[in-house]
Amino acid sequence: MSKVLKFGMAICIGLVVAMLAVKSNSTQQYYDSIIAKQFILIDDNKQARGGMGFTKEGWPFVTLKGEGKETIRLIVSKAGPSLEIEDKNGKLRTGIVVVKGETPRIFLWDANQKSRVVLSGSSEGGGNLMFVDENGGHRASIGYKNGKASLAIKGADKYSGAYITAYDNDGVQVNIADSNLRPNLTLRSKDNELAMVMAAQKRTGLFYRAARGDVPNLAIIKGGEPIWKALPGAPAPASDLPDIVDLIK
């Protein structure tokens, strides 16, 4: 092989190597847009760890997964946009949703997939924090809406419990209610006046009212009508007092 031919082959080989080196070190290509119906992210072990696509119903979603079953899922559906978080056992534990695109709510579930805490807002303003027992019963809540702040602590039945309400311009009221939501004890403070009603039956019980600059009133009520009153300077004789236990039991 002549020296000229060898020299020519060496030049060609050098050019090929140079081209390959330039190509391997060239920058990656970028696109303004990529059109697809689904994307799947895999890790070094070729395990799916994330994705983007559509549900069977046609709602778009994004999913990210940990090494176990921990999952975060973002989805936009007919009910509104929502975020779901699952624990290491694949159970839903936290949810955030904007109902119909305007009412935000946050849900916390226990390990048995039961909702235990609900935080919600309203499009009209205000919000509410509610605590739920294992049977789905509403046990406690605190909230504010339409000029009224409220706190409720309830028993295992549907209504019995303590209810505190503070109005922006109308004082504070405390109710202790029975299982029929009938107040057995009511305390009301408004401006310079304090009122208290104790009743074991509807419109029957003991009434007390005190106002600054005025004489206090004490009366026993039956059927909504006073059957005994005590006023300063004119106490009722003991023989005229009815049996309070019989009236309010």
Protein backbone atom coordinates (compact mmCIF):
# COMPACT_ATOMS: atom_id res chain seq x y z
CA MET A 1 0.00 0.00 0.00
CA SER A 2 1.43 3.33 -1.10
CA LYS A 3 2.21 6.07 1.37
CA VAL A 4 -0.41 8.33 -0.29
CA LEU A 5 -3.18 5.76 0.20
CA LYS A 6 -2.23 5.20 3.84
CA PHE A 7 -2.18 8.92 4.45
CA GLY A 8 -5.64 9.30 2.86
CA MET A 9 -7.14 6.50 4.97
CA ALA A 10 -5.70 8.04 8.13
CA ILE A 11 -7.36 11.36 7.30
CA CYS A 12 -10.75 9.68 6.70
CA ILE A 13 -10.58 7.75 9.96
CA GLY A 14 -9.68 10.94 11.80
CA LEU A 15 -12.63 12.79 10.28
CA VAL A 16 -15.05 10.00 11.28
CA VAL A 17 -13.76 9.97 14.86
CA ALA A 18 -14.01 13.75 15.06
CA MET A 19 -17.61 13.71 13.78
CA LEU A 20 -18.60 11.06 16.32
CA ALA A 21 -17.00 13.03 19.15
CA VAL A 22 -18.81 16.22 18.12
CA LYS A 23 -22.13 14.37 17.88
CA SER A 24 -21.73 12.74 21.34
CA ASN A 25 -20.93 16.12 22.94
CA SER A 26 -23.62 18.08 21.13
CA THR A 27 -26.45 19.64 23.15
CA GLN A 28 -29.79 17.83 23.48
CA GLN A 29 -32.67 18.84 21.30
CA TYR A 30 -35.55 20.86 22.80
CA TYR A 31 -39.10 21.10 21.54
CA ASP A 32 -41.66 23.84 22.02
CA SER A 33 -44.38 21.25 22.59
CA ILE A 34 -44.88 17.51 22.85
CA ILE A 35 -48.33 16.09 22.13
CA ALA A 36 -49.35 12.84 23.82
CA LYS A 37 -52.23 11.27 25.78
CA GLN A 38 -50.04 9.73 28.49
CA PHE A 39 -46.61 10.02 30.08
CA ILE A 40 -45.02 7.46 32.44
CA LEU A 41 -41.94 8.14 34.59
CA ILE A 42 -39.74 5.18 35.57
CA ASP A 43 -36.78 4.95 37.95
CA ASP A 44 -33.43 3.22 37.46
CA ASN A 45 -35.10 -0.10 38.22
CA LYS A 46 -37.70 0.50 35.50
CA GLN A 47 -40.46 0.85 38.12
CA ALA A 48 -43.26 3.33 37.38
CA ARG A 49 -42.93 6.27 39.82
CA GLY A 50 -45.08 8.90 38.18
CA GLY A 51 -47.37 9.62 35.34
CA MET A 52 -49.63 12.03 33.56
CA GLY A 53 -52.71 11.15 31.59
CA PHE A 54 -56.48 10.75 31.69
CA THR A 55 -58.83 8.62 33.77
CA LYS A 56 -61.31 6.24 32.16
CA GLU A 57 -63.90 8.99 32.55
CA GLY A 58 -61.70 11.44 30.67
CA TRP A 59 -60.44 13.59 33.57
CA PRO A 60 -56.78 14.71 33.46
CA PHE A 61 -54.50 13.67 36.34
CA VAL A 62 -50.89 13.73 37.55
CA THR A 63 -49.50 11.02 39.87
CA LEU A 64 -46.22 10.79 41.83
CA LYS A 65 -45.25 7.68 43.81
CA GLY A 66 -42.62 6.91 46.45
CA GLU A 67 -40.65 3.70 46.75
CA GLY A 68 -43.63 2.09 48.52
CA LYS A 69 -47.29 2.92 48.02
CA GLU A 70 -47.05 6.56 49.05
CA THR A 71 -48.84 8.50 46.36
CA ILE A 72 -49.80 12.06 45.54
CA ARG A 73 -52.48 12.47 42.91
CA LEU A 74 -53.78 15.66 41.34
CA ILE A 75 -56.98 15.40 39.31
CA VAL A 76 -59.49 17.77 37.80
CA SER A 77 -62.98 16.23 37.60
CA LYS A 78 -66.62 17.27 37.43
CA ALA A 79 -66.67 17.70 41.24
CA GLY A 80 -63.80 20.18 41.00
CA PRO A 81 -59.99 20.10 41.22
CA SER A 82 -58.64 17.87 43.99
CA LEU A 83 -55.41 16.62 45.57
CA GLU A 84 -55.24 13.15 47.15
CA ILE A 85 -52.45 11.78 49.38
CA GLU A 86 -52.13 8.06 50.18
CA ASP A 87 -49.94 6.59 52.94
CA LYS A 88 -47.34 3.80 52.75
CA ASN A 89 -50.16 1.22 52.78
CA GLY A 90 -51.90 2.79 49.81
CA LYS A 91 -54.77 4.17 51.92
CA LEU A 92 -56.20 7.62 51.31
CA ARG A 93 -55.34 9.86 54.29
CA THR A 94 -55.61 13.45 53.08
CA GLY A 95 -57.74 15.13 50.46
CA ILE A 96 -58.07 18.71 49.25
CA VAL A 97 -60.91 19.64 46.93
CA VAL A 98 -62.51 22.80 45.63
CA VAL A 99 -66.16 21.75 45.30
CA LYS A 100 -67.66 23.02 42.06
CA GLY A 101 -64.63 25.25 41.68
CA GLU A 102 -65.57 27.62 44.53
CA THR A 103 -65.87 25.88 47.93
CA PRO A 104 -62.53 24.63 49.34
CA ARG A 105 -62.44 21.64 51.71
CA ILE A 106 -59.69 19.61 53.38
CA PHE A 107 -60.39 16.05 54.58
CA LEU A 108 -58.29 13.92 56.94
CA TRP A 109 -59.00 10.17 57.03
CA ASP A 110 -57.90 7.61 59.61
CA ALA A 111 -56.23 4.28 58.83
CA ASN A 112 -59.69 2.73 58.36
CA GLN A 113 -60.55 5.13 55.54
CA LYS A 114 -63.02 7.10 57.69
CA SER A 115 -63.18 10.87 57.55
CA ARG A 116 -62.23 12.31 60.95
CA VAL A 117 -61.48 16.01 60.37
CA VAL A 118 -63.03 18.36 57.81
CA LEU A 119 -61.95 21.96 57.23
CA SER A 120 -64.15 23.92 54.87
CA GLY A 121 -64.64 27.45 53.60
CA SER A 122 -67.56 29.05 51.84
CA SER A 123 -67.89 31.28 48.81
CA GLU A 124 -69.86 33.74 50.98
CA GLY A 125 -67.00 34.03 53.50
CA GLY A 126 -66.24 32.29 56.79
CA GLY A 127 -65.19 28.74 57.51
CA ASN A 128 -65.72 25.69 59.69
CA LEU A 129 -63.56 23.01 61.32
CA MET A 130 -65.41 19.78 62.18
CA PHE A 131 -64.32 16.66 64.08
CA VAL A 132 -66.03 13.31 63.40
CA ASP A 133 -66.02 10.08 65.42
CA GLU A 134 -65.45 6.56 64.11
CA ASN A 135 -69.18 6.15 63.41
CA GLY A 136 -69.43 9.28 61.29
CA GLY A 137 -71.04 11.32 64.08
CA HIS A 138 -70.37 15.05 64.31
CA ARG A 139 -68.72 15.51 67.73
CA ALA A 140 -67.19 18.98 67.73
CA SER A 141 -66.90 22.01 65.48
CA ILE A 142 -65.79 25.61 65.47
CA GLY A 143 -66.62 28.13 62.79
CA TYR A 144 -67.59 31.60 61.71
CA LYS A 145 -70.16 32.69 59.15
CA ASN A 146 -72.50 35.63 58.55
CA GLY A 147 -71.44 37.56 61.64
CA LYS A 148 -71.66 34.57 63.99
CA ALA A 149 -68.85 32.61 65.64
CA SER A 150 -69.85 29.21 67.02
CA LEU A 151 -68.44 26.31 69.03
CA ALA A 152 -70.26 22.98 69.40
CA ILE A 153 -69.30 19.99 71.56
CA LYS A 154 -71.66 17.05 71.18
CA GLY A 155 -72.36 13.69 72.74
CA ALA A 156 -72.62 10.35 70.96
CA ASP A 157 -76.27 10.95 70.02
CA LYS A 158 -77.30 13.38 67.33
CA TYR A 159 -77.96 16.60 69.24
CA SER A 160 -77.07 16.60 72.97
CA GLY A 161 -74.15 18.81 73.88
CA ALA A 162 -72.96 22.33 74.55
CA TYR A 163 -73.34 25.13 72.00
CA ILE A 164 -71.68 28.54 72.30
CA THR A 165 -72.55 31.33 69.87
CA ALA A 166 -71.00 34.79 69.75
CA TYR A 167 -72.73 37.36 67.55
CA ASP A 168 -70.95 40.36 66.07
CA ASN A 169 -73.49 42.82 67.47
CA ASP A 170 -75.86 40.71 69.56
CA GLY A 171 -73.98 39.31 72.55
CA VAL A 172 -73.09 35.73 73.48
CA GLN A 173 -75.32 32.72 74.12
CA VAL A 174 -74.60 29.32 75.67
CA ASN A 175 -77.00 26.38 75.29
CA ILE A 176 -76.83 22.98 76.95
CA ALA A 177 -79.19 20.78 74.94
CA ASP A 178 -80.65 17.30 75.32
CA SER A 179 -80.90 14.57 72.68
CA ASN A 180 -83.87 16.36 71.07
CA LEU A 181 -81.86 19.59 70.72
CA ARG A 182 -84.04 21.13 73.44
CA PRO A 183 -82.05 23.56 75.62
CA ASN A 184 -82.00 22.50 79.28
CA LEU A 185 -79.84 25.45 80.18
CA THR A 186 -79.47 28.75 78.35
CA LEU A 187 -77.22 31.65 79.30
CA ARG A 188 -77.44 34.89 77.34
CA SER A 189 -75.31 38.01 77.71
CA LYS A 190 -76.23 41.04 75.63
CA ASP A 191 -75.12 44.62 76.21
CA ASN A 192 -75.63 45.14 79.95
CA GLU A 193 -78.07 42.29 80.45
CA LEU A 194 -77.65 38.72 81.63
CA ALA A 195 -80.38 36.10 81.33
CA MET A 196 -80.52 32.46 82.37
CA VAL A 197 -83.16 29.81 81.74
CA MET A 198 -83.13 26.30 83.19
CA ALA A 199 -85.80 23.99 81.83
CA ALA A 200 -86.37 20.25 81.69
CA GLN A 201 -89.54 20.59 79.61
CA LYS A 202 -90.52 22.90 76.79
CA ARG A 203 -91.19 26.43 78.10
CA THR A 204 -91.20 25.20 81.72
CA GLY A 205 -88.48 25.90 84.26
CA LEU A 206 -86.59 28.62 86.09
CA PHE A 207 -85.90 32.07 84.62
CA TYR A 208 -83.44 34.68 85.87
CA ARG A 209 -82.65 38.09 84.38
CA ALA A 210 -80.37 40.84 85.58
CA ALA A 211 -79.68 44.16 83.88
CA ARG A 212 -77.41 46.99 84.91
CA GLY A 213 -79.42 49.77 86.48
CA ASP A 214 -82.52 47.60 86.78
CA VAL A 215 -83.87 45.17 89.39
CA PRO A 216 -83.22 41.45 88.77
CA ASN A 217 -86.08 39.15 87.94
CA LEU A 218 -86.50 35.57 89.13
CA ALA A 219 -89.46 33.51 88.04
CA ILE A 220 -90.73 29.97 87.64
CA ILE A 221 -92.25 29.38 84.23
CA LYS A 222 -94.74 26.69 83.28
CA GLY A 223 -96.04 26.42 79.74
CA GLY A 224 -94.37 29.72 78.93
CA GLU A 225 -96.25 31.61 81.67
CA PRO A 226 -94.78 32.74 85.03
CA ILE A 227 -96.48 31.02 87.94
CA TRP A 228 -94.19 32.53 90.57
CA LYS A 229 -92.05 35.67 90.66
CA ALA A 230 -89.57 37.06 93.14
CA LEU A 231 -88.96 40.81 93.04
CA PRO A 232 -86.85 42.91 95.43
CA GLY A 233 -88.91 44.22 98.35
CA ALA A 234 -91.77 41.83 97.70
CA PRO A 235 -90.59 38.27 98.34
CA ALA A 236 -93.17 35.53 98.03
CA PRO A 237 -94.13 33.66 101.22
CA ALA A 238 -92.59 30.23 101.54
CA SER A 239 -96.03 28.66 101.77
CA ASP A 240 -96.90 30.07 98.35
CA LEU A 241 -93.84 28.64 96.58
CA PRO A 242 -94.67 25.70 94.31
CA ASP A 243 -92.57 22.55 94.30
CA ILE A 244 -89.84 23.44 91.82
CA VAL A 245 -88.85 19.80 91.30
CA ASP A 246 -92.38 18.89 90.25
CA LEU A 247 -92.51 21.82 87.83
CA ILE A 248 -89.30 21.23 85.93
CA LYS A 249 -88.78 17.46 86.02
